[in-house]
C-alpha atoms as a PDB file:
ATOM      1  CA  MET A   1     134.936  60.522 161.068  1.00  0.00           C
ATOM      2  CA  THR A   2     132.059  59.952 158.597  1.00  0.00           C
ATOM      3  CA  ALA A   3     132.803  59.329 155.074  1.00  0.00           C
ATOM      4  CA  LEU A   4     131.507  62.022 152.761  1.00  0.00           C
ATOM      5  CA  LEU A   5     128.995  60.545 150.257  1.00  0.00           C
ATOM      6  CA  PRO A   6     129.090  61.864 146.913  1.00  0.00           C
ATOM      7  CA  THR A   7     126.301  64.190 145.583  1.00  0.00           C
ATOM      8  CA  SER A   8     123.856  62.826 142.989  1.00  0.00           C
ATOM      9  CA  PRO A   9     125.592  65.048 140.244  1.00  0.00           C
ATOM     10  CA  SER A  10     129.111  64.076 141.244  1.00  0.00           C
ATOM     11  CA  PHE A  11     128.012  60.384 141.045  1.00  0.00           C
ATOM     12  CA  LEU A  12     126.719  60.819 137.607  1.00  0.00           C
ATOM     13  CA  ARG A  13     129.885  62.728 136.592  1.00  0.00           C
ATOM     14  CA  LEU A  14     132.068  59.666 138.060  1.00  0.00           C
ATOM     15  CA  GLN A  15     129.945  57.250 136.051  1.00  0.00           C
ATOM     16  CA  GLY A  16     130.657  59.164 132.998  1.00  0.00           C
ATOM     17  CA  GLU A  17     134.373  59.198 133.731  1.00  0.00           C
ATOM     18  CA  ARG A  18     134.553  55.583 134.705  1.00  0.00           C
ATOM     19  CA  ARG A  19     132.305  54.172 131.840  1.00  0.00           C
ATOM     20  CA  GLY A  20     133.015  56.514 128.977  1.00  0.00           C
ATOM     21  CA  ALA A  21     130.556  55.774 126.217  1.00  0.00           C
ATOM     22  CA  ALA A  22     129.738  52.367 127.626  1.00  0.00           C
ATOM     23  CA  GLY A  23     126.944  53.242 129.496  1.00  0.00           C
ATOM     24  CA  GLY A  24     124.036  55.766 130.034  1.00  0.00           C
ATOM     25  CA  LEU A  25     120.466  56.677 129.609  1.00  0.00           C
ATOM     26  CA  VAL A  26     118.671  55.170 126.368  1.00  0.00           C
ATOM     27  CA  PHE A  27     115.870  57.098 125.070  1.00  0.00           C
ATOM     28  CA  ALA A  28     114.337  57.047 121.569  1.00  0.00           C
ATOM     29  CA  ASP A  29     116.794  54.468 120.406  1.00  0.00           C
ATOM     30  CA  ARG A  30     119.810  56.871 121.341  1.00  0.00           C
ATOM     31  CA  LEU A  31     122.432  55.935 123.919  1.00  0.00           C
ATOM     32  CA  ILE A  32     123.016  59.393 126.087  1.00  0.00           C
ATOM     33  CA  PRO A  33     126.314  58.610 127.899  1.00  0.00           C
ATOM     34  CA  TRP A  34     126.514  59.453 131.646  1.00  0.00           C
ATOM     35  CA  GLY A  35     129.196  61.999 130.846  1.00  0.00           C
ATOM     36  CA  GLU A  36     126.943  63.788 128.321  1.00  0.00           C
ATOM     37  CA  LEU A  37     123.897  63.668 130.810  1.00  0.00           C
ATOM     38  CA  ALA A  38     126.317  65.049 133.720  1.00  0.00           C
ATOM     39  CA  ALA A  39     127.427  67.878 131.420  1.00  0.00           C
ATOM     40  CA  ALA A  40     123.708  68.701 130.490  1.00  0.00           C
ATOM     41  CA  ALA A  41     122.734  68.658 134.002  1.00  0.00           C
ATOM     42  CA  ASP A  42     125.814  70.969 135.156  1.00  0.00           C
ATOM     43  CA  GLU A  43     125.006  73.064 132.295  1.00  0.00           C
ATOM     44  CA  LEU A  44     121.565  73.606 133.550  1.00  0.00           C
ATOM     45  CA  ALA A  45     122.662  73.929 137.240  1.00  0.00           C
ATOM     46  CA  GLY A  46     124.785  76.968 136.281  1.00  0.00           C
ATOM     47  CA  TRP A  47     122.080  78.552 134.110  1.00  0.00           C
ATOM     48  CA  LEU A  48     119.550  78.142 136.876  1.00  0.00           C
ATOM     49  CA  ALA A  49     122.063  79.490 139.534  1.00  0.00           C
ATOM     50  CA  ARG A  50     122.575  82.543 137.518  1.00  0.00           C
ATOM     51  CA  ARG A  51     118.684  83.137 137.795  1.00  0.00           C
ATOM     52  CA  GLY A  52     118.596  82.856 141.629  1.00  0.00           C
ATOM     53  CA  VAL A  53     118.043  79.112 142.108  1.00  0.00           C
ATOM     54  CA  GLY A  54     119.950  77.685 145.174  1.00  0.00           C
ATOM     55  CA  ALA A  55     120.209  75.658 148.107  1.00  0.00           C
ATOM     56  CA  GLY A  56     117.130  74.965 150.000  1.00  0.00           C
ATOM     57  CA  GLN A  57     114.905  76.556 147.525  1.00  0.00           C
ATOM     58  CA  HIS A  58     111.736  74.338 146.350  1.00  0.00           C
ATOM     59  CA  VAL A  59     111.355  74.284 142.319  1.00  0.00           C
ATOM     60  CA  GLY A  60     108.662  72.770 140.602  1.00  0.00           C
ATOM     61  CA  VAL A  61     109.218  70.374 137.769  1.00  0.00           C
ATOM     62  CA  THR A  62     106.658  69.323 135.066  1.00  0.00           C
ATOM     63  CA  ALA A  63     108.322  67.291 132.280  1.00  0.00           C
ATOM     64  CA  ALA A  64     107.626  63.923 130.875  1.00  0.00           C
ATOM     65  CA  ASN A  65     109.919  60.912 131.219  1.00  0.00           C
ATOM     66  CA  GLU A  66     112.572  62.132 128.780  1.00  0.00           C
ATOM     67  CA  PRO A  67     116.321  63.172 129.236  1.00  0.00           C
ATOM     68  CA  ALA A  68     115.303  66.543 130.104  1.00  0.00           C
ATOM     69  CA  LEU A  69     113.502  65.352 133.336  1.00  0.00           C
ATOM     70  CA  VAL A  70     116.569  63.359 134.450  1.00  0.00           C
ATOM     71  CA  ALA A  71     119.002  66.431 133.825  1.00  0.00           C
ATOM     72  CA  MET A  72     116.435  68.746 135.519  1.00  0.00           C
ATOM     73  CA  LEU A  73     116.448  66.639 138.702  1.00  0.00           C
ATOM     74  CA  TYR A  74     120.147  66.216 138.905  1.00  0.00           C
ATOM     75  CA  ALA A  75     120.673  70.004 138.184  1.00  0.00           C
ATOM     76  CA  LEU A  76     118.392  70.980 141.134  1.00  0.00           C
ATOM     77  CA  TRP A  77     119.986  68.261 143.398  1.00  0.00           C
ATOM     78  CA  GLY A  78     123.339  69.642 142.513  1.00  0.00           C
ATOM     79  CA  LEU A  79     122.169  73.180 143.579  1.00  0.00           C
ATOM     80  CA  GLY A  80     120.883  71.697 146.729  1.00  0.00           C
ATOM     81  CA  ALA A  81     117.281  72.613 145.751  1.00  0.00           C
ATOM     82  CA  VAL A  82     114.324  70.653 146.416  1.00  0.00           C
ATOM     83  CA  ALA A  83     112.569  69.165 143.395  1.00  0.00           C
ATOM     84  CA  VAL A  84     108.874  69.233 143.372  1.00  0.00           C
ATOM     85  CA  PRO A  85     107.688  67.233 140.532  1.00  0.00           C
ATOM     86  CA  ILE A  86     104.053  68.097 139.276  1.00  0.00           C
ATOM     87  CA  GLY A  87     102.193  65.657 136.972  1.00  0.00           C
ATOM     88  CA  VAL A  88     102.253  66.165 133.234  1.00  0.00           C
ATOM     89  CA  ARG A  89      98.594  66.077 132.999  1.00  0.00           C
ATOM     90  CA  ALA A  90      97.891  68.625 135.610  1.00  0.00           C
ATOM     91  CA  PRO A  91      96.037  71.801 134.103  1.00  0.00           C
ATOM     92  CA  ALA A  92      97.349  75.157 135.083  1.00  0.00           C
ATOM     93  CA  ALA A  93      94.927  75.811 137.882  1.00  0.00           C
ATOM     94  CA  GLU A  94      96.125  72.574 139.713  1.00  0.00           C
ATOM     95  CA  THR A  95      99.446  73.210 138.932  1.00  0.00           C
ATOM     96  CA  ALA A  96      99.319  76.562 140.558  1.00  0.00           C
ATOM     97  CA  ARG A  97      97.756  75.171 143.705  1.00  0.00           C
ATOM     98  CA  LEU A  98     100.618  72.801 144.105  1.00  0.00           C
ATOM     99  CA  LEU A  99     102.990  75.265 143.610  1.00  0.00           C
ATOM    100  CA  ALA A 100     101.597  77.584 146.142  1.00  0.00           C
ATOM    101  CA  HIS A 101     101.175  74.583 148.600  1.00  0.00           C
ATOM    102  CA  ALA A 102     104.797  73.511 148.149  1.00  0.00           C
ATOM    103  CA  ARG A 103     106.192  77.127 148.432  1.00  0.00           C
ATOM    104  CA  VAL A 104     108.145  76.760 145.348  1.00  0.00           C
ATOM    105  CA  SER A 105     110.463  79.495 144.046  1.00  0.00           C
ATOM    106  CA  GLY A 106     110.079  78.701 140.443  1.00  0.00           C
ATOM    107  CA  LEU A 107     109.107  76.310 137.842  1.00  0.00           C
ATOM    108  CA  LEU A 108     110.887  74.357 135.397  1.00  0.00           C
ATOM    109  CA  ALA A 109     109.023  72.673 132.418  1.00  0.00           C
ATOM    110  CA  ASP A 110     109.762  70.856 129.205  1.00  0.00           C
ATOM    111  CA  THR A 111     108.516  72.718 126.126  1.00  0.00           C
ATOM    112  CA  PRO A 112     105.325  70.451 125.576  1.00  0.00           C
ATOM    113  CA  ARG A 113     104.042  71.869 128.750  1.00  0.00           C
ATOM    114  CA  ALA A 114     105.309  75.447 128.400  1.00  0.00           C
ATOM    115  CA  GLU A 115     101.820  76.944 128.127  1.00  0.00           C
ATOM    116  CA  VAL A 116     100.613  75.407 131.458  1.00  0.00           C
ATOM    117  CA  ALA A 117     103.814  76.290 133.077  1.00  0.00           C
ATOM    118  CA  ARG A 118     103.533  79.974 132.068  1.00  0.00           C
ATOM    119  CA  ASP A 119      99.871  80.085 133.142  1.00  0.00           C
ATOM    120  CA  ALA A 120     100.487  78.430 136.495  1.00  0.00           C
ATOM    121  CA  ALA A 121     103.689  80.614 137.265  1.00  0.00           C
ATOM    122  CA  ALA A 122     101.758  83.538 136.447  1.00  0.00           C
ATOM    123  CA  ALA A 123      98.856  82.703 138.628  1.00  0.00           C
ATOM    124  CA  VAL A 124     101.119  82.394 141.706  1.00  0.00           C
ATOM    125  CA  GLY A 125     103.672  85.110 140.797  1.00  0.00           C
ATOM    126  CA  LEU A 126     106.620  83.035 139.926  1.00  0.00           C
ATOM    127  CA  PRO A 127     109.381  82.961 137.509  1.00  0.00           C
ATOM    128  CA  ALA A 128     109.360  79.850 135.094  1.00  0.00           C
ATOM    129  CA  TRP A 129     111.641  78.400 132.762  1.00  0.00           C
ATOM    130  CA  VAL A 130     111.567  75.779 129.872  1.00  0.00           C
ATOM    131  CA  CYS A 131     113.899  73.148 128.147  1.00  0.00           C
ATOM    132  CA  ARG A 132     113.739  70.951 125.345  1.00  0.00           C
ATOM    133  CA  PRO A 133     112.768  67.361 126.080  1.00  0.00           C
ATOM    134  CA  GLU A 134     116.111  66.161 124.582  1.00  0.00           C
ATOM    135  CA  LEU A 135     119.593  66.970 124.855  1.00  0.00           C
ATOM    136  CA  PRO A 136     120.844  69.752 124.203  1.00  0.00           C
ATOM    137  CA  LEU A 137     118.385  71.249 126.738  1.00  0.00           C
ATOM    138  CA  ALA A 138     118.697  74.907 125.415  1.00  0.00           C
ATOM    139  CA  PRO A 139     117.018  76.590 128.504  1.00  0.00           C
ATOM    140  CA  ARG A 140     115.150  79.807 128.215  1.00  0.00           C
ATOM    141  CA  VAL A 141     112.960  82.092 130.281  1.00  0.00           C
ATOM    142  CA  LEU A 142     109.334  81.436 130.034  1.00  0.00           C
ATOM    143  CA  ARG A 143     108.286  83.943 132.692  1.00  0.00           C
ATOM    144  CA  ARG A 144     110.295  86.525 134.100  1.00  0.00           C
ATOM    145  CA  GLY A 145     111.203  86.768 137.740  1.00  0.00           C
ATOM    146  CA  ARG A 146     113.726  85.914 140.385  1.00  0.00           C
ATOM    147  CA  ALA A 147     113.523  82.845 142.224  1.00  0.00           C
ATOM    148  CA  ARG A 148     112.521  83.417 145.840  1.00  0.00           C
ATOM    149  CA  SER A 149     115.116  82.645 148.531  1.00  0.00           C
ATOM    150  CA  ALA A 150     114.633  80.038 150.977  1.00  0.00           C
ATOM    151  CA  ALA A 151     116.322  78.651 154.066  1.00  0.00           C
ATOM    152  CA  ARG A 152     118.506  75.489 153.668  1.00  0.00           C
ATOM    153  CA  SER A 153     116.514  72.210 153.693  1.00  0.00           C
ATOM    154  CA  ARG A 154     117.166  68.516 154.213  1.00  0.00           C
ATOM    155  CA  LEU A 155     114.650  67.624 151.658  1.00  0.00           C
ATOM    156  CA  ALA A 156     115.796  66.342 148.118  1.00  0.00           C
ATOM    157  CA  ALA A 157     112.082  66.095 146.864  1.00  0.00           C
ATOM    158  CA  ILE A 158     108.409  66.736 147.543  1.00  0.00           C
ATOM    159  CA  ALA A 159     106.161  64.689 145.595  1.00  0.00           C
ATOM    160  CA  TYR A 160     102.166  64.894 145.690  1.00  0.00           C
ATOM    161  CA  THR A 161      99.875  62.022 145.400  1.00  0.00           C
ATOM    162  CA  SER A 162      95.986  61.835 145.087  1.00  0.00           C
ATOM    163  CA  ALA A 163      95.250  58.141 144.380  1.00  0.00           C
ATOM    164  CA  LEU A 164      92.936  57.907 147.122  1.00  0.00           C
ATOM    165  CA  VAL A 165      91.879  61.272 148.366  1.00  0.00           C
ATOM    166  CA  GLU A 166      90.395  64.204 146.572  1.00  0.00           C
ATOM    167  CA  LEU A 167      93.104  66.732 147.596  1.00  0.00           C
ATOM    168  CA  PRO A 168      96.749  66.001 146.852  1.00  0.00           C
ATOM    169  CA  LEU A 169      98.959  64.753 149.801  1.00  0.00           C
ATOM    170  CA  PRO A 170     102.477  65.902 149.710  1.00  0.00           C
ATOM    171  CA  VAL A 171     105.289  63.101 150.489  1.00  0.00           C
ATOM    172  CA  ALA A 172     108.738  64.528 151.277  1.00  0.00           C
ATOM    173  CA  ARG A 173     111.961  62.827 150.710  1.00  0.00           C
ATOM    174  CA  ASP A 174     114.864  63.685 152.936  1.00  0.00           C
ATOM    175  CA  ARG A 175     118.481  64.072 151.359  1.00  0.00           C
ATOM    176  CA  GLU A 176     120.143  61.647 153.990  1.00  0.00           C
ATOM    177  CA  PRO A 177     120.569  58.109 153.068  1.00  0.00           C
ATOM    178  CA  GLU A 178     118.442  55.547 155.067  1.00  0.00           C
ATOM    179  CA  ARG A 179     120.385  53.555 157.591  1.00  0.00           C
END
């Protein structure tokens, strides 16, 4: 029998239980314990689930390197969704093109990218949600709509790279660990 591997969110919760306040994420001179980060990710996952986000759905994420980004990714992975990170410098038109290409169900952004997220989501007819960059996330609806359903997927993330070519190239990451 194959041993069950913990999901990313359950691993985060386990670290919170094991380490207490002794470990975590440091941002802007503040230590955010693993347990606090896990609670924020779980709360966001529940909030997104109530808006129709679930397993297999591709969800765009545009957020800077801050606690919100980490919580967003763990929340999506906890739901079994596929995270599609979009570069924070991408304008609305490019963001919309990537959202359409990746067949996303919705877009999750941090507040500094709210305007671009709203415009990009509107261009492709998607719902959009926004969170504060720091904890507590305080998620809110940016653009109304219900996340589109999707078939279950083994993917954990789809990322785009355009370093050497004119058009973005998708790179997919499977949920299964490498052997």
